[in-house]
Amino acid sequence: MGKNGLMWVTTILVIVGALNWGLVGIFEWNLVSAIFGSIVWLERAIYILVGLAGLAELIMLFKK
């Protein structure tokens, strides 16, 4: 996966994270937990990936 592919993946993960936080803030409903709540390690892995994607987006923002 090239740099362009990585940018797409990180952007999608950041959008998913933002939408999830919006749902938590407005409706007190966690989409990630609703989908993967019974698989705790997978839910945690998704949160870690979203956090890393946010960090990658931040780094790319300052590199431009």
C-alpha atoms as a PDB file:
ATOM      1  CA  MET A   1       0.000   0.000   0.000  1.00  0.00           C
ATOM      2  CA  GLY A   2       1.467   3.297  -1.091  1.00  0.00           C
ATOM      3  CA  LYS A   3       1.322   6.637   0.611  1.00  0.00           C
ATOM      4  CA  ASN A   4      -1.949   7.475  -1.142  1.00  0.00           C
ATOM      5  CA  GLY A   5      -3.539   4.227   0.071  1.00  0.00           C
ATOM      6  CA  LEU A   6      -2.367   4.853   3.619  1.00  0.00           C
ATOM      7  CA  MET A   7      -3.876   8.337   3.501  1.00  0.00           C
ATOM      8  CA  TRP A   8      -7.243   6.866   2.465  1.00  0.00           C
ATOM      9  CA  VAL A   9      -7.180   4.304   5.273  1.00  0.00           C
ATOM     10  CA  THR A  10      -6.252   6.866   7.931  1.00  0.00           C
ATOM     11  CA  THR A  11      -8.866   9.320   6.659  1.00  0.00           C
ATOM     12  CA  ILE A  12     -11.598   6.671   6.756  1.00  0.00           C
ATOM     13  CA  LEU A  13     -10.586   5.584  10.274  1.00  0.00           C
ATOM     14  CA  VAL A  14     -10.610   9.193  11.500  1.00  0.00           C
ATOM     15  CA  ILE A  15     -14.082   9.717   9.988  1.00  0.00           C
ATOM     16  CA  VAL A  16     -15.362   6.523  11.627  1.00  0.00           C
ATOM     17  CA  GLY A  17     -13.933   7.686  14.959  1.00  0.00           C
ATOM     18  CA  ALA A  18     -15.474  11.144  14.603  1.00  0.00           C
ATOM     19  CA  LEU A  19     -18.893   9.708  13.717  1.00  0.00           C
ATOM     20  CA  ASN A  20     -18.687   7.319  16.659  1.00  0.00           C
ATOM     21  CA  TRP A  21     -17.868  10.183  19.051  1.00  0.00           C
ATOM     22  CA  GLY A  22     -20.752  12.176  17.572  1.00  0.00           C
ATOM     23  CA  LEU A  23     -23.139   9.298  18.241  1.00  0.00           C
ATOM     24  CA  VAL A  24     -21.811   8.973  21.787  1.00  0.00           C
ATOM     25  CA  GLY A  25     -22.219  12.702  22.398  1.00  0.00           C
ATOM     26  CA  ILE A  26     -25.696  13.055  20.918  1.00  0.00           C
ATOM     27  CA  PHE A  27     -27.356   9.713  21.660  1.00  0.00           C
ATOM     28  CA  GLU A  28     -25.044   8.137  24.259  1.00  0.00           C
ATOM     29  CA  TRP A  29     -24.721   5.213  21.821  1.00  0.00           C
ATOM     30  CA  ASN A  30     -21.352   3.708  20.904  1.00  0.00           C
ATOM     31  CA  LEU A  31     -21.433   2.166  17.418  1.00  0.00           C
ATOM     32  CA  VAL A  32     -18.117   0.327  17.811  1.00  0.00           C
ATOM     33  CA  SER A  33     -19.243  -1.181  21.092  1.00  0.00           C
ATOM     34  CA  ALA A  34     -22.622  -2.095  19.600  1.00  0.00           C
ATOM     35  CA  ILE A  35     -20.970  -3.954  16.719  1.00  0.00           C
ATOM     36  CA  PHE A  36     -17.943  -5.484  18.471  1.00  0.00           C
ATOM     37  CA  GLY A  37     -18.868  -5.237  22.169  1.00  0.00           C
ATOM     38  CA  SER A  38     -18.881  -8.982  22.687  1.00  0.00           C
ATOM     39  CA  ILE A  39     -15.329  -9.173  21.285  1.00  0.00           C
ATOM     40  CA  VAL A  40     -13.505  -6.875  23.693  1.00  0.00           C
ATOM     41  CA  TRP A  41     -10.023  -7.275  22.174  1.00  0.00           C
ATOM     42  CA  LEU A  42     -11.338  -6.394  18.696  1.00  0.00           C
ATOM     43  CA  GLU A  43     -13.151  -3.322  20.004  1.00  0.00           C
ATOM     44  CA  ARG A  44      -9.974  -2.193  21.727  1.00  0.00           C
ATOM     45  CA  ALA A  45      -7.929  -2.829  18.574  1.00  0.00           C
ATOM     46  CA  ILE A  46     -10.314  -0.624  16.586  1.00  0.00           C
ATOM     47  CA  TYR A  47      -9.926   2.196  19.113  1.00  0.00           C
ATOM     48  CA  ILE A  48      -6.134   1.863  18.903  1.00  0.00           C
ATOM     49  CA  LEU A  49      -6.229   1.928  15.080  1.00  0.00           C
ATOM     50  CA  VAL A  50      -8.458   5.011  15.087  1.00  0.00           C
ATOM     51  CA  GLY A  51      -6.082   6.731  17.527  1.00  0.00           C
ATOM     52  CA  LEU A  52      -3.056   5.852  15.402  1.00  0.00           C
ATOM     53  CA  ALA A  53      -4.884   7.079  12.297  1.00  0.00           C
ATOM     54  CA  GLY A  54      -5.560  10.394  14.019  1.00  0.00           C
ATOM     55  CA  LEU A  55      -1.899  10.684  14.925  1.00  0.00           C
ATOM     56  CA  ALA A  56      -0.880   9.863  11.341  1.00  0.00           C
ATOM     57  CA  GLU A  57      -3.297  12.492   9.987  1.00  0.00           C
ATOM     58  CA  LEU A  58      -1.854  15.052  12.395  1.00  0.00           C
ATOM     59  CA  ILE A  59       1.690  14.261  11.270  1.00  0.00           C
ATOM     60  CA  MET A  60       0.689  14.457   7.584  1.00  0.00           C
ATOM     61  CA  LEU A  61      -1.020  17.792   8.249  1.00  0.00           C
ATOM     62  CA  PHE A  62       2.191  19.341   9.562  1.00  0.00           C
ATOM     63  CA  LYS A  63       4.345  17.783   6.828  1.00  0.00           C
ATOM     64  CA  LYS A  64       2.377  19.635   4.119  1.00  0.00           C
END
